[in-house]
Amino acid sequence: MNNLPQNREAWLELVKAWGWTIALIILAVFLMWQGLTLYQSVRSWQNLSDRVQSTLADGAAQAQNKKNGKVEAEGRAISSTFFYRPQPDYKLSAIFDNKAVINGQELKAGDRVGSA
């Protein structure tokens, strides 16, 4: 019942005979595992992209309906999505030396205006 090699020379012969075959089998299993992982990641990103596009389309349709006077309760507005970034509204009034007046607030270089 014991078919394993008993000495070093027998092990070397076994490795010489089957080493490349075993290495190729391990490599094939590894590549299949990596391929499946990559496939799942790509599908996950595609599903996320489809959901975002659907949400944005629903929000755009809802905004258009509001503009036309139709109000629908379903769908989300584009402004409620994670990817929405409102356009900033900055008004530069004056620049003098290293200071500027933005939205009526006197600022120097390095100061923040809102979140900017």
PDB file of N, CA and C in Angstrom:
ATOM      1  N   MET A   1       0.803  -1.182   0.000  1.00  0.00           N
ATOM      2  CA  MET A   1       0.000   0.000   0.000  1.00  0.00           C
ATOM      3  C   MET A   1       0.852   1.254   0.000  1.00  0.00           C
ATOM      4  N   ASN A   2       2.036   1.167   0.518  1.00  0.00           N
ATOM      5  CA  ASN A   2       2.913   2.315   0.605  1.00  0.00           C
ATOM      6  C   ASN A   2       3.695   2.464  -0.699  1.00  0.00           C
ATOM      7  N   ASN A   3       3.239   3.348  -1.601  1.00  0.00           N
ATOM      8  CA  ASN A   3       3.882   3.530  -2.894  1.00  0.00           C
ATOM      9  C   ASN A   3       4.809   4.732  -2.920  1.00  0.00           C
ATOM     10  N   LEU A   4       4.964   5.435  -1.794  1.00  0.00           N
ATOM     11  CA  LEU A   4       5.841   6.594  -1.756  1.00  0.00           C
ATOM     12  C   LEU A   4       7.295   6.142  -1.770  1.00  0.00           C
ATOM     13  N   PRO A   5       8.144   6.936  -2.421  1.00  0.00           N
ATOM     14  CA  PRO A   5       9.578   6.577  -2.427  1.00  0.00           C
ATOM     15  C   PRO A   5      10.148   6.561  -1.013  1.00  0.00           C
ATOM     16  N   GLN A   6      11.102   5.672  -0.774  1.00  0.00           N
ATOM     17  CA  GLN A   6      11.660   5.498   0.556  1.00  0.00           C
ATOM     18  C   GLN A   6      12.998   6.212   0.743  1.00  0.00           C
ATOM     19  N   ASN A   7      13.672   6.553  -0.357  1.00  0.00           N
ATOM     20  CA  ASN A   7      14.976   7.211  -0.215  1.00  0.00           C
ATOM     21  C   ASN A   7      15.055   8.429  -1.133  1.00  0.00           C
ATOM     22  N   ARG A   8      16.137   9.159  -0.985  1.00  0.00           N
ATOM     23  CA  ARG A   8      16.309  10.414  -1.727  1.00  0.00           C
ATOM     24  C   ARG A   8      16.372  10.192  -3.237  1.00  0.00           C
ATOM     25  N   GLU A   9      17.079   9.179  -3.673  1.00  0.00           N
ATOM     26  CA  GLU A   9      17.219   8.914  -5.096  1.00  0.00           C
ATOM     27  C   GLU A   9      15.870   8.591  -5.737  1.00  0.00           C
ATOM     28  N   ALA A  10      15.054   7.865  -5.015  1.00  0.00           N
ATOM     29  CA  ALA A  10      13.725   7.529  -5.539  1.00  0.00           C
ATOM     30  C   ALA A  10      12.865   8.801  -5.654  1.00  0.00           C
ATOM     31  N   TRP A  11      12.996   9.682  -4.668  1.00  0.00           N
ATOM     32  CA  TRP A  11      12.265  10.955  -4.742  1.00  0.00           C
ATOM     33  C   TRP A  11      12.733  11.782  -5.935  1.00  0.00           C
ATOM     34  N   LEU A  12      14.035  11.843  -6.166  1.00  0.00           N
ATOM     35  CA  LEU A  12      14.580  12.591  -7.303  1.00  0.00           C
ATOM     36  C   LEU A  12      14.069  12.027  -8.627  1.00  0.00           C
ATOM     37  N   GLU A  13      14.009  10.730  -8.732  1.00  0.00           N
ATOM     38  CA  GLU A  13      13.490  10.106  -9.951  1.00  0.00           C
ATOM     39  C   GLU A  13      12.009  10.452 -10.157  1.00  0.00           C
ATOM     40  N   LEU A  14      11.260  10.438  -9.042  1.00  0.00           N
ATOM     41  CA  LEU A  14       9.845  10.787  -9.125  1.00  0.00           C
ATOM     42  C   LEU A  14       9.665  12.241  -9.583  1.00  0.00           C
ATOM     43  N   VAL A  15      10.479  13.132  -9.019  1.00  0.00           N
ATOM     44  CA  VAL A  15      10.390  14.548  -9.403  1.00  0.00           C
ATOM     45  C   VAL A  15      10.809  14.731 -10.857  1.00  0.00           C
ATOM     46  N   LYS A  16      11.857  14.043 -11.285  1.00  0.00           N
ATOM     47  CA  LYS A  16      12.288  14.138 -12.677  1.00  0.00           C
ATOM     48  C   LYS A  16      11.208  13.638 -13.629  1.00  0.00           C
ATOM     49  N   ALA A  17      10.516  12.584 -13.237  1.00  0.00           N
ATOM     50  CA  ALA A  17       9.494  11.993 -14.101  1.00  0.00           C
ATOM     51  C   ALA A  17       8.211  12.828 -14.121  1.00  0.00           C
ATOM     52  N   TRP A  18       7.802  13.358 -12.973  1.00  0.00           N
ATOM     53  CA  TRP A  18       6.497  14.016 -12.887  1.00  0.00           C
ATOM     54  C   TRP A  18       6.561  15.507 -12.529  1.00  0.00           C
ATOM     55  N   GLY A  19       7.724  16.051 -12.319  1.00  0.00           N
ATOM     56  CA  GLY A  19       7.870  17.428 -11.859  1.00  0.00           C
ATOM     57  C   GLY A  19       7.204  18.453 -12.763  1.00  0.00           C
ATOM     58  N   TRP A  20       7.494  18.395 -14.069  1.00  0.00           N
ATOM     59  CA  TRP A  20       6.913  19.364 -15.012  1.00  0.00           C
ATOM     60  C   TRP A  20       5.400  19.191 -15.132  1.00  0.00           C
ATOM     61  N   THR A  21       4.952  17.975 -15.085  1.00  0.00           N
ATOM     62  CA  THR A  21       3.517  17.721 -15.178  1.00  0.00           C
ATOM     63  C   THR A  21       2.791  18.313 -13.976  1.00  0.00           C
ATOM     64  N   ILE A  22       3.323  18.084 -12.804  1.00  0.00           N
ATOM     65  CA  ILE A  22       2.706  18.625 -11.585  1.00  0.00           C
ATOM     66  C   ILE A  22       2.772  20.147 -11.599  1.00  0.00           C
ATOM     67  N   ALA A  23       3.917  20.703 -12.024  1.00  0.00           N
ATOM     68  CA  ALA A  23       4.057  22.163 -12.085  1.00  0.00           C
ATOM     69  C   ALA A  23       3.043  22.760 -13.057  1.00  0.00           C
ATOM     70  N   LEU A  24       2.840  22.139 -14.198  1.00  0.00           N
ATOM     71  CA  LEU A  24       1.874  22.640 -15.173  1.00  0.00           C
ATOM     72  C   LEU A  24       0.442  22.539 -14.662  1.00  0.00           C
ATOM     73  N   ILE A  25       0.135  21.480 -13.941  1.00  0.00           N
ATOM     74  CA  ILE A  25      -1.203  21.334 -13.360  1.00  0.00           C
ATOM     75  C   ILE A  25      -1.444  22.422 -12.318  1.00  0.00           C
ATOM     76  N   ILE A  26      -0.454  22.667 -11.465  1.00  0.00           N
ATOM     77  CA  ILE A  26      -0.587  23.723 -10.451  1.00  0.00           C
ATOM     78  C   ILE A  26      -0.736  25.081 -11.125  1.00  0.00           C
ATOM     79  N   LEU A  27       0.054  25.339 -12.158  1.00  0.00           N
ATOM     80  CA  LEU A  27      -0.039  26.601 -12.897  1.00  0.00           C
ATOM     81  C   LEU A  27      -1.412  26.759 -13.551  1.00  0.00           C
ATOM     82  N   ALA A  28      -1.931  25.686 -14.141  1.00  0.00           N
ATOM     83  CA  ALA A  28      -3.250  25.751 -14.784  1.00  0.00           C
ATOM     84  C   ALA A  28      -4.344  26.038 -13.761  1.00  0.00           C
ATOM     85  N   VAL A  29      -4.278  25.394 -12.612  1.00  0.00           N
ATOM     86  CA  VAL A  29      -5.269  25.643 -11.562  1.00  0.00           C
ATOM     87  C   VAL A  29      -5.170  27.081 -11.085  1.00  0.00           C
ATOM     88  N   PHE A  30      -3.964  27.567 -10.889  1.00  0.00           N
ATOM     89  CA  PHE A  30      -3.760  28.948 -10.457  1.00  0.00           C
ATOM     90  C   PHE A  30      -4.317  29.933 -11.494  1.00  0.00           C
ATOM     91  N   LEU A  31      -4.040  29.704 -12.765  1.00  0.00           N
ATOM     92  CA  LEU A  31      -4.532  30.604 -13.817  1.00  0.00           C
ATOM     93  C   LEU A  31      -6.057  30.573 -13.918  1.00  0.00           C
ATOM     94  N   MET A  32      -6.659  29.407 -13.751  1.00  0.00           N
ATOM     95  CA  MET A  32      -8.120  29.334 -13.777  1.00  0.00           C
ATOM     96  C   MET A  32      -8.712  30.094 -12.598  1.00  0.00           C
ATOM     97  N   TRP A  33      -8.106  29.937 -11.426  1.00  0.00           N
ATOM     98  CA  TRP A  33      -8.579  30.644 -10.241  1.00  0.00           C
ATOM     99  C   TRP A  33      -8.469  32.154 -10.431  1.00  0.00           C
ATOM    100  N   GLN A  34      -7.338  32.626 -10.964  1.00  0.00           N
ATOM    101  CA  GLN A  34      -7.156  34.051 -11.216  1.00  0.00           C
ATOM    102  C   GLN A  34      -8.128  34.548 -12.289  1.00  0.00           C
ATOM    103  N   GLY A  35      -8.357  33.742 -13.302  1.00  0.00           N
ATOM    104  CA  GLY A  35      -9.303  34.123 -14.351  1.00  0.00           C
ATOM    105  C   GLY A  35     -10.717  34.270 -13.818  1.00  0.00           C
ATOM    106  N   LEU A  36     -11.127  33.345 -12.965  1.00  0.00           N
ATOM    107  CA  LEU A  36     -12.459  33.439 -12.371  1.00  0.00           C
ATOM    108  C   LEU A  36     -12.574  34.654 -11.458  1.00  0.00           C
ATOM    109  N   THR A  37     -11.529  34.939 -10.707  1.00  0.00           N
ATOM    110  CA  THR A  37     -11.531  36.113  -9.839  1.00  0.00           C
ATOM    111  C   THR A  37     -11.631  37.384 -10.676  1.00  0.00           C
ATOM    112  N   LEU A  38     -10.872  37.457 -11.758  1.00  0.00           N
ATOM    113  CA  LEU A  38     -10.925  38.624 -12.641  1.00  0.00           C
ATOM    114  C   LEU A  38     -12.302  38.745 -13.286  1.00  0.00           C
ATOM    115  N   TYR A  39     -12.869  37.637 -13.725  1.00  0.00           N
ATOM    116  CA  TYR A  39     -14.198  37.658 -14.330  1.00  0.00           C
ATOM    117  C   TYR A  39     -15.229  38.188 -13.347  1.00  0.00           C
ATOM    118  N   GLN A  40     -15.168  37.731 -12.094  1.00  0.00           N
ATOM    119  CA  GLN A  40     -16.116  38.202 -11.087  1.00  0.00           C
ATOM    120  C   GLN A  40     -15.942  39.692 -10.824  1.00  0.00           C
ATOM    121  N   SER A  41     -14.705  40.166 -10.801  1.00  0.00           N
ATOM    122  CA  SER A  41     -14.458  41.592 -10.577  1.00  0.00           C
ATOM    123  C   SER A  41     -15.015  42.421 -11.724  1.00  0.00           C
ATOM    124  N   VAL A  42     -14.785  41.982 -12.951  1.00  0.00           N
ATOM    125  CA  VAL A  42     -15.287  42.709 -14.116  1.00  0.00           C
ATOM    126  C   VAL A  42     -16.811  42.731 -14.118  1.00  0.00           C
ATOM    127  N   ARG A  43     -17.425  41.602 -13.816  1.00  0.00           N
ATOM    128  CA  ARG A  43     -18.896  41.559 -13.760  1.00  0.00           C
ATOM    129  C   ARG A  43     -19.432  42.484 -12.677  1.00  0.00           C
ATOM    130  N   SER A  44     -18.740  42.505 -11.531  1.00  0.00           N
ATOM    131  CA  SER A  44     -19.159  43.368 -10.435  1.00  0.00           C
ATOM    132  C   SER A  44     -19.099  44.832 -10.862  1.00  0.00           C
ATOM    133  N   TRP A  45     -18.020  45.237 -11.547  1.00  0.00           N
ATOM    134  CA  TRP A  45     -17.896  46.628 -12.003  1.00  0.00           C
ATOM    135  C   TRP A  45     -18.917  46.931 -13.086  1.00  0.00           C
ATOM    136  N   GLN A  46     -19.188  45.966 -13.949  1.00  0.00           N
ATOM    137  CA  GLN A  46     -20.208  46.194 -14.975  1.00  0.00           C
ATOM    138  C   GLN A  46     -21.576  46.372 -14.342  1.00  0.00           C
ATOM    139  N   ASN A  47     -21.895  45.548 -13.330  1.00  0.00           N
ATOM    140  CA  ASN A  47     -23.181  45.698 -12.642  1.00  0.00           C
ATOM    141  C   ASN A  47     -23.277  47.052 -11.963  1.00  0.00           C
ATOM    142  N   LEU A  48     -22.190  47.483 -11.317  1.00  0.00           N
ATOM    143  CA  LEU A  48     -22.182  48.788 -10.666  1.00  0.00           C
ATOM    144  C   LEU A  48     -22.356  49.901 -11.698  1.00  0.00           C
ATOM    145  N   SER A  49     -21.663  49.790 -12.807  1.00  0.00           N
ATOM    146  CA  SER A  49     -21.781  50.792 -13.869  1.00  0.00           C
ATOM    147  C   SER A  49     -23.202  50.846 -14.417  1.00  0.00           C
ATOM    148  N   ASP A  50     -23.807  49.684 -14.608  1.00  0.00           N
ATOM    149  CA  ASP A  50     -25.192  49.644 -15.105  1.00  0.00           C
ATOM    150  C   ASP A  50     -26.149  50.300 -14.114  1.00  0.00           C
ATOM    151  N   ARG A  51     -25.950  50.034 -12.814  1.00  0.00           N
ATOM    152  CA  ARG A  51     -26.820  50.635 -11.808  1.00  0.00           C
ATOM    153  C   ARG A  51     -26.651  52.145 -11.756  1.00  0.00           C
ATOM    154  N   VAL A  52     -25.406  52.621 -11.862  1.00  0.00           N
ATOM    155  CA  VAL A  52     -25.164  54.068 -11.838  1.00  0.00           C
ATOM    156  C   VAL A  52     -25.794  54.720 -13.058  1.00  0.00           C
ATOM    157  N   GLN A  53     -25.605  54.129 -14.233  1.00  0.00           N
ATOM    158  CA  GLN A  53     -26.183  54.692 -15.450  1.00  0.00           C
ATOM    159  C   GLN A  53     -27.701  54.719 -15.363  1.00  0.00           C
ATOM    160  N   SER A  54     -28.290  53.661 -14.821  1.00  0.00           N
ATOM    161  CA  SER A  54     -29.741  53.604 -14.661  1.00  0.00           C
ATOM    162  C   SER A  54     -30.219  54.682 -13.696  1.00  0.00           C
ATOM    163  N   THR A  55     -29.498  54.844 -12.581  1.00  0.00           N
ATOM    164  CA  THR A  55     -29.866  55.862 -11.597  1.00  0.00           C
ATOM    165  C   THR A  55     -29.764  57.254 -12.197  1.00  0.00           C
ATOM    166  N   LEU A  56     -28.683  57.505 -12.928  1.00  0.00           N
ATOM    167  CA  LEU A  56     -28.514  58.821 -13.546  1.00  0.00           C
ATOM    168  C   LEU A  56     -29.587  59.072 -14.601  1.00  0.00           C
ATOM    169  N   ALA A  57     -29.924  58.052 -15.374  1.00  0.00           N
ATOM    170  CA  ALA A  57     -30.963  58.211 -16.393  1.00  0.00           C
ATOM    171  C   ALA A  57     -32.316  58.475 -15.741  1.00  0.00           C
ATOM    172  N   ASP A  58     -32.612  57.759 -14.640  1.00  0.00           N
ATOM    173  CA  ASP A  58     -33.871  57.985 -13.929  1.00  0.00           C
ATOM    174  C   ASP A  58     -33.923  59.391 -13.360  1.00  0.00           C
ATOM    175  N   GLY A  59     -32.791  59.847 -12.797  1.00  0.00           N
ATOM    176  CA  GLY A  59     -32.741  61.192 -12.239  1.00  0.00           C
ATOM    177  C   GLY A  59     -32.908  62.249 -13.310  1.00  0.00           C
ATOM    178  N   ALA A  60     -32.285  62.038 -14.468  1.00  0.00           N
ATOM    179  CA  ALA A  60     -32.409  62.991 -15.572  1.00  0.00           C
ATOM    180  C   ALA A  60     -33.843  63.023 -16.086  1.00  0.00           C
ATOM    181  N   ALA A  61     -34.464  61.854 -16.181  1.00  0.00           N
ATOM    182  CA  ALA A  61     -35.855  61.802 -16.633  1.00  0.00           C
ATOM    183  C   ALA A  61     -36.760  62.497 -15.624  1.00  0.00           C
ATOM    184  N   GLN A  62     -36.482  62.296 -14.339  1.00  0.00           N
ATOM    185  CA  GLN A  62     -37.290  62.937 -13.307  1.00  0.00           C
ATOM    186  C   GLN A  62     -37.119  64.454 -13.367  1.00  0.00           C
ATOM    187  N   ALA A  63     -35.886  64.926 -13.565  1.00  0.00           N
ATOM    188  CA  ALA A  63     -35.649  66.368 -13.669  1.00  0.00           C
ATOM    189  C   ALA A  63     -36.362  66.939 -14.886  1.00  0.00           C
ATOM    190  N   GLN A  64     -36.334  66.214 -16.004  1.00  0.00           N
ATOM    191  CA  GLN A  64     -37.022  66.683 -17.217  1.00  0.00           C
ATOM    192  C   GLN A  64     -38.530  66.734 -16.988  1.00  0.00           C
ATOM    193  N   ASN A  65     -39.068  65.744 -16.282  1.00  0.00           N
ATOM    194  CA  ASN A  65     -40.500  65.734 -15.993  1.00  0.00           C
ATOM    195  C   ASN A  65     -40.885  66.891 -15.088  1.00  0.00           C
ATOM    196  N   LYS A  66     -40.038  67.215 -14.105  1.00  0.00           N
ATOM    197  CA  LYS A  66     -40.315  68.360 -13.239  1.00  0.00           C
ATOM    198  C   LYS A  66     -40.293  69.642 -14.052  1.00  0.00           C
ATOM    199  N   LYS A  67     -39.366  69.720 -14.979  1.00  0.00           N
ATOM    200  CA  LYS A  67     -39.256  70.915 -15.829  1.00  0.00           C
ATOM    201  C   LYS A  67     -40.499  71.064 -16.691  1.00  0.00           C
ATOM    202  N   ASN A  68     -41.051  69.942 -17.138  1.00  0.00           N
ATOM    203  CA  ASN A  68     -42.248  69.964 -17.978  1.00  0.00           C
ATOM    204  C   ASN A  68     -43.537  70.004 -17.172  1.00  0.00           C
ATOM    205  N   GLY A  69     -43.425  70.002 -15.839  1.00  0.00           N
ATOM    206  CA  GLY A  69     -44.614  70.069 -14.996  1.00  0.00           C
ATOM    207  C   GLY A  69     -45.137  68.729 -14.555  1.00  0.00           C
ATOM    208  N   LYS A  70     -44.512  67.651 -14.960  1.00  0.00           N
ATOM    209  CA  LYS A  70     -44.927  66.312 -14.537  1.00  0.00           C
ATOM    210  C   LYS A  70     -44.082  65.919 -13.332  1.00  0.00           C
ATOM    211  N   VAL A  71     -44.726  65.416 -12.299  1.00  0.00           N
ATOM    212  CA  VAL A  71     -44.005  65.000 -11.102  1.00  0.00           C
ATOM    213  C   VAL A  71     -44.229  63.509 -10.904  1.00  0.00           C
ATOM    214  N   GLU A  72     -43.132  62.769 -10.807  1.00  0.00           N
ATOM    215  CA  GLU A  72     -43.196  61.329 -10.560  1.00  0.00           C
ATOM    216  C   GLU A  72     -42.523  61.038  -9.227  1.00  0.00           C
ATOM    217  N   ALA A  73     -43.081  60.133  -8.468  1.00  0.00           N
ATOM    218  CA  ALA A  73     -42.548  59.818  -7.144  1.00  0.00           C
ATOM    219  C   ALA A  73     -41.365  58.857  -7.221  1.00  0.00           C
ATOM    220  N   GLU A  74     -41.255  58.095  -8.305  1.00  0.00           N
ATOM    221  CA  GLU A  74     -40.209  57.087  -8.379  1.00  0.00           C
ATOM    222  C   GLU A  74     -38.948  57.641  -9.017  1.00  0.00           C
ATOM    223  N   GLY A  75     -37.820  56.959  -8.782  1.00  0.00           N
ATOM    224  CA  GLY A  75     -36.541  57.372  -9.339  1.00  0.00           C
ATOM    225  C   GLY A  75     -35.816  58.291  -8.376  1.00  0.00           C
ATOM    226  N   ARG A  76     -34.544  58.441  -8.599  1.00  0.00           N
ATOM    227  CA  ARG A  76     -33.737  59.312  -7.760  1.00  0.00           C
ATOM    228  C   ARG A  76     -33.186  60.441  -8.592  1.00  0.00           C
ATOM    229  N   ALA A  77     -33.035  61.570  -7.973  1.00  0.00           N
ATOM    230  CA  ALA A  77     -32.459  62.720  -8.663  1.00  0.00           C
ATOM    231  C   ALA A  77     -30.954  62.529  -8.792  1.00  0.00           C
ATOM    232  N   ILE A  78     -30.386  63.141  -9.800  1.00  0.00           N
ATOM    233  CA  ILE A  78     -28.944  63.032  -9.999  1.00  0.00           C
ATOM    234  C   ILE A  78     -28.211  63.583  -8.785  1.00  0.00           C
ATOM    235  N   SER A  79     -28.759  64.613  -8.158  1.00  0.00           N
ATOM    236  CA  SER A  79     -28.087  65.213  -7.004  1.00  0.00           C
ATOM    237  C   SER A  79     -28.034  64.285  -5.804  1.00  0.00           C
ATOM    238  N   SER A  80     -28.809  63.212  -5.794  1.00  0.00           N
ATOM    239  CA  SER A  80     -28.780  62.283  -4.659  1.00  0.00           C
ATOM    240  C   SER A  80     -27.802  61.140  -4.874  1.00  0.00           C
ATOM    241  N   THR A  81     -27.081  61.114  -5.978  1.00  0.00           N
ATOM    242  CA  THR A  81     -26.129  60.040  -6.228  1.00  0.00           C
ATOM    243  C   THR A  81     -24.771  60.395  -5.662  1.00  0.00           C
ATOM    244  N   PHE A  82     -23.970  59.396  -5.448  1.00  0.00           N
ATOM    245  CA  PHE A  82     -22.628  59.573  -4.905  1.00  0.00           C
ATOM    246  C   PHE A  82     -21.756  60.367  -5.860  1.00  0.00           C
ATOM    247  N   PHE A  83     -21.984  60.239  -7.150  1.00  0.00           N
ATOM    248  CA  PHE A  83     -21.097  60.811  -8.146  1.00  0.00           C
ATOM    249  C   PHE A  83     -21.426  62.266  -8.484  1.00  0.00           C
ATOM    250  N   TYR A  84     -22.508  62.791  -7.953  1.00  0.00           N
ATOM    251  CA  TYR A  84     -22.917  64.152  -8.279  1.00  0.00           C
ATOM    252  C   TYR A  84     -22.029  65.160  -7.552  1.00  0.00           C
ATOM    253  N   ARG A  85     -21.518  66.114  -8.274  1.00  0.00           N
ATOM    254  CA  ARG A  85     -20.741  67.199  -7.693  1.00  0.00           C
ATOM    255  C   ARG A  85     -21.351  68.513  -8.174  1.00  0.00           C
ATOM    256  N   PRO A  86     -21.930  69.309  -7.257  1.00  0.00           N
ATOM    257  CA  PRO A  86     -22.524  70.573  -7.687  1.00  0.00           C
ATOM    258  C   PRO A  86     -21.449  71.532  -8.186  1.00  0.00           C
ATOM    259  N   GLN A  87     -21.817  72.364  -9.133  1.00  0.00           N
ATOM    260  CA  GLN A  87     -20.890  73.353  -9.666  1.00  0.00           C
ATOM    261  C   GLN A  87     -20.705  74.462  -8.637  1.00  0.00           C
ATOM    262  N   PRO A  88     -19.455  74.818  -8.325  1.00  0.00           N
ATOM    263  CA  PRO A  88     -19.240  75.884  -7.346  1.00  0.00           C
ATOM    264  C   PRO A  88     -19.662  77.235  -7.922  1.00  0.00           C
ATOM    265  N   ASP A  89     -20.044  78.137  -7.032  1.00  0.00           N
ATOM    266  CA  ASP A  89     -20.470  79.472  -7.450  1.00  0.00           C
ATOM    267  C   ASP A  89     -19.566  80.482  -6.757  1.00  0.00           C
ATOM    268  N   TYR A  90     -18.441  80.818  -7.402  1.00  0.00           N
ATOM    269  CA  TYR A  90     -17.491  81.767  -6.845  1.00  0.00           C
ATOM    270  C   TYR A  90     -17.516  83.039  -7.691  1.00  0.00           C
ATOM    271  N   LYS A  91     -17.483  84.187  -7.019  1.00  0.00           N
ATOM    272  CA  LYS A  91     -17.424  85.469  -7.709  1.00  0.00           C
ATOM    273  C   LYS A  91     -16.199  86.221  -7.210  1.00  0.00           C
ATOM    274  N   LEU A  92     -15.241  86.420  -8.085  1.00  0.00           N
ATOM    275  CA  LEU A  92     -14.022  87.149  -7.757  1.00  0.00           C
ATOM    276  C   LEU A  92     -14.277  88.629  -7.963  1.00  0.00           C
ATOM    277  N   SER A  93     -14.097  89.438  -6.889  1.00  0.00           N
ATOM    278  CA  SER A  93     -14.362  90.869  -6.966  1.00  0.00           C
ATOM    279  C   SER A  93     -13.093  91.675  -7.135  1.00  0.00           C
ATOM    280  N   ALA A  94     -12.010  91.280  -6.459  1.00  0.00           N
ATOM    281  CA  ALA A  94     -10.779  92.073  -6.515  1.00  0.00           C
ATOM    282  C   ALA A  94      -9.576  91.210  -6.202  1.00  0.00           C
ATOM    283  N   ILE A  95      -8.415  91.646  -6.742  1.00  0.00           N
ATOM    284  CA  ILE A  95      -7.137  91.017  -6.440  1.00  0.00           C
ATOM    285  C   ILE A  95      -6.152  92.151  -6.163  1.00  0.00           C
ATOM    286  N   PHE A  96      -5.478  92.073  -5.016  1.00  0.00           N
ATOM    287  CA  PHE A  96      -4.486  93.083  -4.691  1.00  0.00           C
ATOM    288  C   PHE A  96      -3.426  92.432  -3.824  1.00  0.00           C
ATOM    289  N   ASP A  97      -2.154  92.615  -4.177  1.00  0.00           N
ATOM    290  CA  ASP A  97      -1.028  91.957  -3.517  1.00  0.00           C
ATOM    291  C   ASP A  97      -1.305  90.451  -3.455  1.00  0.00           C
ATOM    292  N   ASN A  98      -1.244  89.856  -2.292  1.00  0.00           N
ATOM    293  CA  ASN A  98      -1.505  88.418  -2.152  1.00  0.00           C
ATOM    294  C   ASN A  98      -2.885  88.170  -1.575  1.00  0.00           C
ATOM    295  N   LYS A  99      -3.815  89.070  -1.829  1.00  0.00           N
ATOM    296  CA  LYS A  99      -5.165  88.944  -1.298  1.00  0.00           C
ATOM    297  C   LYS A  99      -6.166  89.037  -2.439  1.00  0.00           C
ATOM    298  N   ALA A 100      -7.332  88.423  -2.205  1.00  0.00           N
ATOM    299  CA  ALA A 100      -8.416  88.478  -3.182  1.00  0.00           C
ATOM    300  C   ALA A 100      -9.733  88.567  -2.425  1.00  0.00           C
ATOM    301  N   VAL A 101     -10.731  89.126  -3.083  1.00  0.00           N
ATOM    302  CA  VAL A 101     -12.070  89.164  -2.521  1.00  0.00           C
ATOM    303  C   VAL A 101     -12.918  88.207  -3.349  1.00  0.00           C
ATOM    304  N   ILE A 102     -13.341  87.119  -2.712  1.00  0.00           N
ATOM    305  CA  ILE A 102     -14.148  86.102  -3.384  1.00  0.00           C
ATOM    306  C   ILE A 102     -15.448  85.964  -2.609  1.00  0.00           C
ATOM    307  N   ASN A 103     -16.571  86.123  -3.305  1.00  0.00           N
ATOM    308  CA  ASN A 103     -17.901  86.073  -2.688  1.00  0.00           C
ATOM    309  C   ASN A 103     -17.994  87.033  -1.498  1.00  0.00           C
ATOM    310  N   GLY A 104     -17.349  88.198  -1.627  1.00  0.00           N
ATOM    311  CA  GLY A 104     -17.409  89.218  -0.586  1.00  0.00           C
ATOM    312  C   GLY A 104     -16.523  88.930   0.605  1.00  0.00           C
ATOM    313  N   GLN A 105     -15.685  87.920   0.544  1.00  0.00           N
ATOM    314  CA  GLN A 105     -14.820  87.537   1.655  1.00  0.00           C
ATOM    315  C   GLN A 105     -13.373  87.789   1.254  1.00  0.00           C
ATOM    316  N   GLU A 106     -12.635  88.538   2.098  1.00  0.00           N
ATOM    317  CA  GLU A 106     -11.232  88.834   1.805  1.00  0.00           C
ATOM    318  C   GLU A 106     -10.384  87.631   2.205  1.00  0.00           C
ATOM    319  N   LEU A 107      -9.612  87.125   1.257  1.00  0.00           N
ATOM    320  CA  LEU A 107      -8.803  85.920   1.481  1.00  0.00           C
ATOM    321  C   LEU A 107      -7.382  86.165   1.035  1.00  0.00           C
ATOM    322  N   LYS A 108      -6.441  85.475   1.688  1.00  0.00           N
ATOM    323  CA  LYS A 108      -5.049  85.520   1.251  1.00  0.00           C
ATOM    324  C   LYS A 108      -4.691  84.168   0.638  1.00  0.00           C
ATOM    325  N   ALA A 109      -3.523  84.078   0.036  1.00  0.00           N
ATOM    326  CA  ALA A 109      -3.080  82.837  -0.612  1.00  0.00           C
ATOM    327  C   ALA A 109      -3.080  81.698   0.409  1.00  0.00           C
ATOM    328  N   GLY A 110      -3.707  80.600   0.083  1.00  0.00           N
ATOM    329  CA  GLY A 110      -3.772  79.433   0.956  1.00  0.00           C
ATOM    330  C   GLY A 110      -5.050  79.316   1.740  1.00  0.00           C
ATOM    331  N   ASP A 111      -5.891  80.379   1.784  1.00  0.00           N
ATOM    332  CA  ASP A 111      -7.150  80.316   2.500  1.00  0.00           C
ATOM    333  C   ASP A 111      -8.160  79.479   1.725  1.00  0.00           C
ATOM    334  N   ARG A 112      -9.198  79.027   2.413  1.00  0.00           N
ATOM    335  CA  ARG A 112     -10.226  78.178   1.804  1.00  0.00           C
ATOM    336  C   ARG A 112     -11.485  78.975   1.551  1.00  0.00           C
ATOM    337  N   VAL A 113     -12.125  78.666   0.443  1.00  0.00           N
ATOM    338  CA  VAL A 113     -13.438  79.238   0.121  1.00  0.00           C
ATOM    339  C   VAL A 113     -14.400  78.064   0.055  1.00  0.00           C
ATOM    340  N   GLY A 114     -15.310  77.975   0.996  1.00  0.00           N
ATOM    341  CA  GLY A 114     -16.211  76.826   1.050  1.00  0.00           C
ATOM    342  C   GLY A 114     -15.402  75.551   1.251  1.00  0.00           C
ATOM    343  N   SER A 115     -15.539  74.608   0.331  1.00  0.00           N
ATOM    344  CA  SER A 115     -14.779  73.361   0.422  1.00  0.00           C
ATOM    345  C   SER A 115     -13.560  73.376  -0.480  1.00  0.00           C
ATOM    346  N   ALA A 116     -13.306  74.514  -1.119  1.00  0.00           N
ATOM    347  CA  ALA A 116     -12.154  74.605  -2.035  1.00  0.00           C
ATOM    348  C   ALA A 116     -10.994  75.330  -1.380  1.00  0.00           C
TER     349      ALA A 116
END
